[in-house]
C-alpha atoms as a PDB file:
ATOM      1  CA  UNK A   1      -5.557   0.676  10.471  1.00  0.00           C
ATOM      2  CA  UNK A   2      -2.718   2.162  12.483  1.00  0.00           C
ATOM      3  CA  UNK A   3      -0.210   4.338  10.614  1.00  0.00           C
ATOM      4  CA  UNK A   4       3.001   5.039  12.497  1.00  0.00           C
ATOM      5  CA  UNK A   5       6.368   6.750  12.088  1.00  0.00           C
ATOM      6  CA  UNK A   6       9.293   5.007  13.807  1.00  0.00           C
ATOM      7  CA  UNK A   7      13.057   5.167  13.784  1.00  0.00           C
ATOM      8  CA  UNK A   8      15.103   2.073  13.104  1.00  0.00           C
ATOM      9  CA  UNK A   9      15.380   1.561  16.877  1.00  0.00           C
ATOM     10  CA  UNK A  10      11.618   1.891  17.373  1.00  0.00           C
ATOM     11  CA  UNK A  11      11.327   5.461  18.685  1.00  0.00           C
ATOM     12  CA  UNK A  12       8.114   7.193  17.651  1.00  0.00           C
ATOM     13  CA  UNK A  13       7.920  10.374  19.722  1.00  0.00           C
ATOM     14  CA  UNK A  14       8.650  13.867  18.440  1.00  0.00           C
ATOM     15  CA  UNK A  15       9.161  12.773  14.817  1.00  0.00           C
ATOM     16  CA  UNK A  16      11.150  15.829  13.780  1.00  0.00           C
ATOM     17  CA  UNK A  17      13.769  13.294  12.684  1.00  0.00           C
ATOM     18  CA  UNK A  18      11.422  12.334   9.817  1.00  0.00           C
ATOM     19  CA  UNK A  19      11.702  15.720   8.081  1.00  0.00           C
ATOM     20  CA  UNK A  20      14.833  15.099   5.992  1.00  0.00           C
ATOM     21  CA  UNK A  21      13.355  11.827   4.680  1.00  0.00           C
ATOM     22  CA  UNK A  22       9.776  12.935   4.051  1.00  0.00           C
ATOM     23  CA  UNK A  23       9.140  13.377   0.339  1.00  0.00           C
ATOM     24  CA  UNK A  24       6.349  13.372  -2.247  1.00  0.00           C
ATOM     25  CA  UNK A  25       6.194   9.560  -2.164  1.00  0.00           C
ATOM     26  CA  UNK A  26       5.383   9.527   1.559  1.00  0.00           C
ATOM     27  CA  UNK A  27       3.069  12.504   1.225  1.00  0.00           C
ATOM     28  CA  UNK A  28       1.107  10.663  -1.462  1.00  0.00           C
ATOM     29  CA  UNK A  29       0.992   7.502   0.633  1.00  0.00           C
ATOM     30  CA  UNK A  30      -0.190   9.436   3.680  1.00  0.00           C
ATOM     31  CA  UNK A  31      -2.814  11.140   1.534  1.00  0.00           C
ATOM     32  CA  UNK A  32      -4.074   7.739   0.350  1.00  0.00           C
ATOM     33  CA  UNK A  33      -4.261   6.499   3.957  1.00  0.00           C
ATOM     34  CA  UNK A  34      -6.310   9.530   4.971  1.00  0.00           C
ATOM     35  CA  UNK A  35      -8.619   9.256   1.951  1.00  0.00           C
ATOM     36  CA  UNK A  36      -9.237   5.591   2.738  1.00  0.00           C
ATOM     37  CA  UNK A  37     -10.455   6.456   6.242  1.00  0.00           C
ATOM     38  CA  UNK A  38     -13.839   7.767   7.282  1.00  0.00           C
ATOM     39  CA  UNK A  39     -12.791   8.796  10.796  1.00  0.00           C
ATOM     40  CA  UNK A  40      -9.754   9.180  13.029  1.00  0.00           C
ATOM     41  CA  UNK A  41      -9.341   7.170  16.217  1.00  0.00           C
ATOM     42  CA  UNK A  42      -6.957   8.975  18.547  1.00  0.00           C
ATOM     43  CA  UNK A  43      -5.559   8.900  22.036  1.00  0.00           C
ATOM     44  CA  UNK A  44      -5.868  12.033  24.135  1.00  0.00           C
ATOM     45  CA  UNK A  45      -2.288  13.279  23.691  1.00  0.00           C
ATOM     46  CA  UNK A  46      -2.317  12.917  19.906  1.00  0.00           C
ATOM     47  CA  UNK A  47      -5.788  14.468  19.727  1.00  0.00           C
ATOM     48  CA  UNK A  48      -4.648  17.500  21.713  1.00  0.00           C
ATOM     49  CA  UNK A  49      -1.536  17.912  19.553  1.00  0.00           C
ATOM     50  CA  UNK A  50      -3.419  17.505  16.283  1.00  0.00           C
ATOM     51  CA  UNK A  51      -6.252  19.808  17.470  1.00  0.00           C
ATOM     52  CA  UNK A  52      -3.717  22.525  18.242  1.00  0.00           C
ATOM     53  CA  UNK A  53      -1.903  22.217  14.900  1.00  0.00           C
ATOM     54  CA  UNK A  54      -4.182  21.104  12.065  1.00  0.00           C
ATOM     55  CA  UNK A  55      -6.777  23.904  12.033  1.00  0.00           C
ATOM     56  CA  UNK A  56      -3.983  26.339  11.140  1.00  0.00           C
ATOM     57  CA  UNK A  57      -2.439  24.078   8.495  1.00  0.00           C
ATOM     58  CA  UNK A  58      -5.164  23.924   5.834  1.00  0.00           C
ATOM     59  CA  UNK A  59      -3.579  26.607   3.654  1.00  0.00           C
ATOM     60  CA  UNK A  60      -0.248  24.794   3.439  1.00  0.00           C
ATOM     61  CA  UNK A  61      -1.630  21.242   3.269  1.00  0.00           C
ATOM     62  CA  UNK A  62      -4.595  21.773   0.928  1.00  0.00           C
ATOM     63  CA  UNK A  63      -7.126  18.970   0.592  1.00  0.00           C
ATOM     64  CA  UNK A  64      -5.238  16.822   3.122  1.00  0.00           C
ATOM     65  CA  UNK A  65      -5.668  19.469   5.812  1.00  0.00           C
ATOM     66  CA  UNK A  66      -9.275  20.081   4.838  1.00  0.00           C
ATOM     67  CA  UNK A  67     -10.088  16.367   5.217  1.00  0.00           C
ATOM     68  CA  UNK A  68      -8.079  16.082   8.437  1.00  0.00           C
ATOM     69  CA  UNK A  69     -10.032  18.943   9.960  1.00  0.00           C
ATOM     70  CA  UNK A  70     -13.446  17.902   8.640  1.00  0.00           C
ATOM     71  CA  UNK A  71     -13.463  14.184   9.381  1.00  0.00           C
ATOM     72  CA  UNK A  72     -14.940  12.816  12.617  1.00  0.00           C
ATOM     73  CA  UNK A  73     -12.527  12.031  15.436  1.00  0.00           C
ATOM     74  CA  UNK A  74     -13.145   9.394  18.103  1.00  0.00           C
ATOM     75  CA  UNK A  75     -10.960  10.060  21.123  1.00  0.00           C
ATOM     76  CA  UNK A  76     -10.003   7.756  23.983  1.00  0.00           C
ATOM     77  CA  UNK A  77      -9.842   9.955  27.060  1.00  0.00           C
ATOM     78  CA  UNK A  78     -10.830   9.858  30.694  1.00  0.00           C
ATOM     79  CA  UNK A  79      -9.727  13.408  31.468  1.00  0.00           C
ATOM     80  CA  UNK A  80     -11.159  15.673  28.751  1.00  0.00           C
ATOM     81  CA  UNK A  81     -14.780  16.773  29.034  1.00  0.00           C
ATOM     82  CA  UNK A  82     -15.438  19.197  26.161  1.00  0.00           C
ATOM     83  CA  UNK A  83     -15.001  17.677  22.697  1.00  0.00           C
ATOM     84  CA  UNK A  84     -13.823  20.051  19.973  1.00  0.00           C
ATOM     85  CA  UNK A  85     -12.527  19.740  16.414  1.00  0.00           C
ATOM     86  CA  UNK A  86     -15.247  17.340  15.226  1.00  0.00           C
ATOM     87  CA  UNK A  87     -14.525  14.969  18.094  1.00  0.00           C
ATOM     88  CA  UNK A  88     -16.549  12.638  20.232  1.00  0.00           C
ATOM     89  CA  UNK A  89     -15.110  10.961  23.285  1.00  0.00           C
ATOM     90  CA  UNK A  90     -15.361   7.200  23.467  1.00  0.00           C
ATOM     91  CA  UNK A  91     -17.876   6.212  26.121  1.00  0.00           C
ATOM     92  CA  UNK A  92     -17.229   3.538  28.758  1.00  0.00           C
ATOM     93  CA  UNK A  93     -14.601   0.873  28.232  1.00  0.00           C
ATOM     94  CA  UNK A  94     -12.409   1.834  25.254  1.00  0.00           C
ATOM     95  CA  UNK A  95     -12.209  -1.714  23.863  1.00  0.00           C
ATOM     96  CA  UNK A  96     -16.007  -2.023  23.871  1.00  0.00           C
ATOM     97  CA  UNK A  97     -16.441   1.393  22.244  1.00  0.00           C
ATOM     98  CA  UNK A  98     -13.910   0.544  19.517  1.00  0.00           C
ATOM     99  CA  UNK A  99     -15.567  -2.821  18.879  1.00  0.00           C
ATOM    100  CA  UNK A 100     -18.843  -0.968  18.378  1.00  0.00           C
ATOM    101  CA  UNK A 101     -17.217   1.515  15.977  1.00  0.00           C
ATOM    102  CA  UNK A 102     -15.596  -1.325  14.032  1.00  0.00           C
ATOM    103  CA  UNK A 103     -18.969  -3.057  13.697  1.00  0.00           C
ATOM    104  CA  UNK A 104     -20.236  -0.017  11.769  1.00  0.00           C
ATOM    105  CA  UNK A 105     -19.464   0.995   8.205  1.00  0.00           C
ATOM    106  CA  UNK A 106     -16.726   3.541   8.984  1.00  0.00           C
ATOM    107  CA  UNK A 107     -13.084   2.846   8.249  1.00  0.00           C
ATOM    108  CA  UNK A 108     -10.922   4.025  11.170  1.00  0.00           C
ATOM    109  CA  UNK A 109      -7.404   5.472  10.982  1.00  0.00           C
ATOM    110  CA  UNK A 110      -5.100   5.743  13.976  1.00  0.00           C
ATOM    111  CA  UNK A 111      -2.139   8.112  13.705  1.00  0.00           C
ATOM    112  CA  UNK A 112       0.397   8.262  16.526  1.00  0.00           C
ATOM    113  CA  UNK A 113      -1.440   7.450  19.755  1.00  0.00           C
ATOM    114  CA  UNK A 114       1.042   4.804  20.914  1.00  0.00           C
ATOM    115  CA  UNK A 115      -0.740   4.126  24.208  1.00  0.00           C
ATOM    116  CA  UNK A 116      -3.978   3.539  22.312  1.00  0.00           C
ATOM    117  CA  UNK A 117      -2.225   1.386  19.687  1.00  0.00           C
ATOM    118  CA  UNK A 118      -0.698  -0.789  22.417  1.00  0.00           C
ATOM    119  CA  UNK A 119      -4.037  -1.067  24.239  1.00  0.00           C
ATOM    120  CA  UNK A 120      -5.934  -1.963  21.066  1.00  0.00           C
ATOM    121  CA  UNK A 121      -3.202  -4.433  20.084  1.00  0.00           C
ATOM    122  CA  UNK A 122      -3.634  -6.228  23.420  1.00  0.00           C
ATOM    123  CA  UNK A 123      -7.380  -6.419  22.680  1.00  0.00           C
ATOM    124  CA  UNK A 124      -6.877  -7.631  19.076  1.00  0.00           C
ATOM    125  CA  UNK A 125      -8.646  -4.566  17.695  1.00  0.00           C
ATOM    126  CA  UNK A 126      -6.200  -3.398  15.029  1.00  0.00           C
ATOM    127  CA  UNK A 127      -6.648  -5.029  11.646  1.00  0.00           C
ATOM    128  CA  UNK A 128      -3.616  -3.552   9.927  1.00  0.00           C
ATOM    129  CA  UNK A 129      -0.362  -1.842  10.895  1.00  0.00           C
ATOM    130  CA  UNK A 130       1.235   0.503   8.344  1.00  0.00           C
ATOM    131  CA  UNK A 131       4.638   1.529   9.603  1.00  0.00           C
ATOM    132  CA  UNK A 132       7.184   3.919   8.134  1.00  0.00           C
ATOM    133  CA  UNK A 133      10.640   2.931   9.346  1.00  0.00           C
ATOM    134  CA  UNK A 134      12.991   5.886   8.980  1.00  0.00           C
ATOM    135  CA  UNK A 135      16.753   5.264   8.558  1.00  0.00           C
ATOM    136  CA  UNK A 136      17.567   7.024  11.819  1.00  0.00           C
ATOM    137  CA  UNK A 137      18.680   5.687  15.202  1.00  0.00           C
ATOM    138  CA  UNK A 138      17.705   7.966  18.075  1.00  0.00           C
ATOM    139  CA  UNK A 139      19.344   5.930  20.816  1.00  0.00           C
ATOM    140  CA  UNK A 140      16.748   7.122  23.285  1.00  0.00           C
ATOM    141  CA  UNK A 141      13.133   8.138  23.409  1.00  0.00           C
ATOM    142  CA  UNK A 142       9.744   6.574  23.769  1.00  0.00           C
ATOM    143  CA  UNK A 143       9.288   3.423  21.725  1.00  0.00           C
ATOM    144  CA  UNK A 144       6.139   2.669  19.768  1.00  0.00           C
ATOM    145  CA  UNK A 145       5.724  -0.719  21.411  1.00  0.00           C
ATOM    146  CA  UNK A 146       5.379  -0.694  25.182  1.00  0.00           C
ATOM    147  CA  UNK A 147       7.262  -3.245  27.210  1.00  0.00           C
ATOM    148  CA  UNK A 148       5.186  -6.410  27.405  1.00  0.00           C
ATOM    149  CA  UNK A 149       3.285  -5.814  24.167  1.00  0.00           C
ATOM    150  CA  UNK A 150       3.337  -8.996  22.137  1.00  0.00           C
ATOM    151  CA  UNK A 151       1.818  -9.741  18.755  1.00  0.00           C
ATOM    152  CA  UNK A 152       2.651 -12.010  15.865  1.00  0.00           C
ATOM    153  CA  UNK A 153       2.343 -10.256  12.532  1.00  0.00           C
ATOM    154  CA  UNK A 154       2.292 -11.270   8.866  1.00  0.00           C
ATOM    155  CA  UNK A 155       3.926  -9.002   6.322  1.00  0.00           C
ATOM    156  CA  UNK A 156       1.493  -8.057   3.550  1.00  0.00           C
ATOM    157  CA  UNK A 157       3.416  -5.301   1.805  1.00  0.00           C
ATOM    158  CA  UNK A 158       6.679  -3.434   1.689  1.00  0.00           C
ATOM    159  CA  UNK A 159       8.259  -0.700  -0.371  1.00  0.00           C
ATOM    160  CA  UNK A 160      11.061   1.812   0.043  1.00  0.00           C
ATOM    161  CA  UNK A 161      11.091   5.516  -0.754  1.00  0.00           C
ATOM    162  CA  UNK A 162      13.917   7.187  -2.629  1.00  0.00           C
ATOM    163  CA  UNK A 163      15.038   8.662   0.706  1.00  0.00           C
ATOM    164  CA  UNK A 164      15.411   5.218   2.293  1.00  0.00           C
ATOM    165  CA  UNK A 165      12.225   4.998   4.352  1.00  0.00           C
ATOM    166  CA  UNK A 166      10.926   1.433   4.509  1.00  0.00           C
ATOM    167  CA  UNK A 167       7.130   1.332   4.466  1.00  0.00           C
ATOM    168  CA  UNK A 168       5.868  -1.979   5.787  1.00  0.00           C
ATOM    169  CA  UNK A 169       2.346  -3.269   6.175  1.00  0.00           C
ATOM    170  CA  UNK A 170       1.452  -6.027   8.601  1.00  0.00           C
ATOM    171  CA  UNK A 171      -1.732  -7.766   9.696  1.00  0.00           C
ATOM    172  CA  UNK A 172      -2.120  -9.865  12.839  1.00  0.00           C
ATOM    173  CA  UNK A 173      -0.960 -13.428  12.140  1.00  0.00           C
END
């Protein structure tokens, strides 16, 4: 499953804009997403950002931070050579490595990692998209969906937080 933050105009990068809208409802939902997963599947940039931040955040995030730090991470990278933070680097072709992971018993969670999400979408390797649409228009910035990415989706769930964030769940049609 891919869990993503986006603005109304599709921007996902630097989600500082989410702060005013993030509340206990979203925190609980994010906690449930993390608890449902056995491992994280991350792109290199997200892995490096998370690796730099999460080890210092356990005290303020409690069990969420403990699980985030302890769970296995599978990272798509061709440039890093020394895995840290409970990580393994995906060997060979990323699509083949992810297919192999998906054939096993582990439930995988992707956070952020837009390049990886787009790549896996093109290879039909994401079973579910859980997207938080924040009531903000950035007007500029990197979009979640890369130009040329195409997928038909079926809506399987939707709800709205008290702060106006639409949480939508889709599966490939």
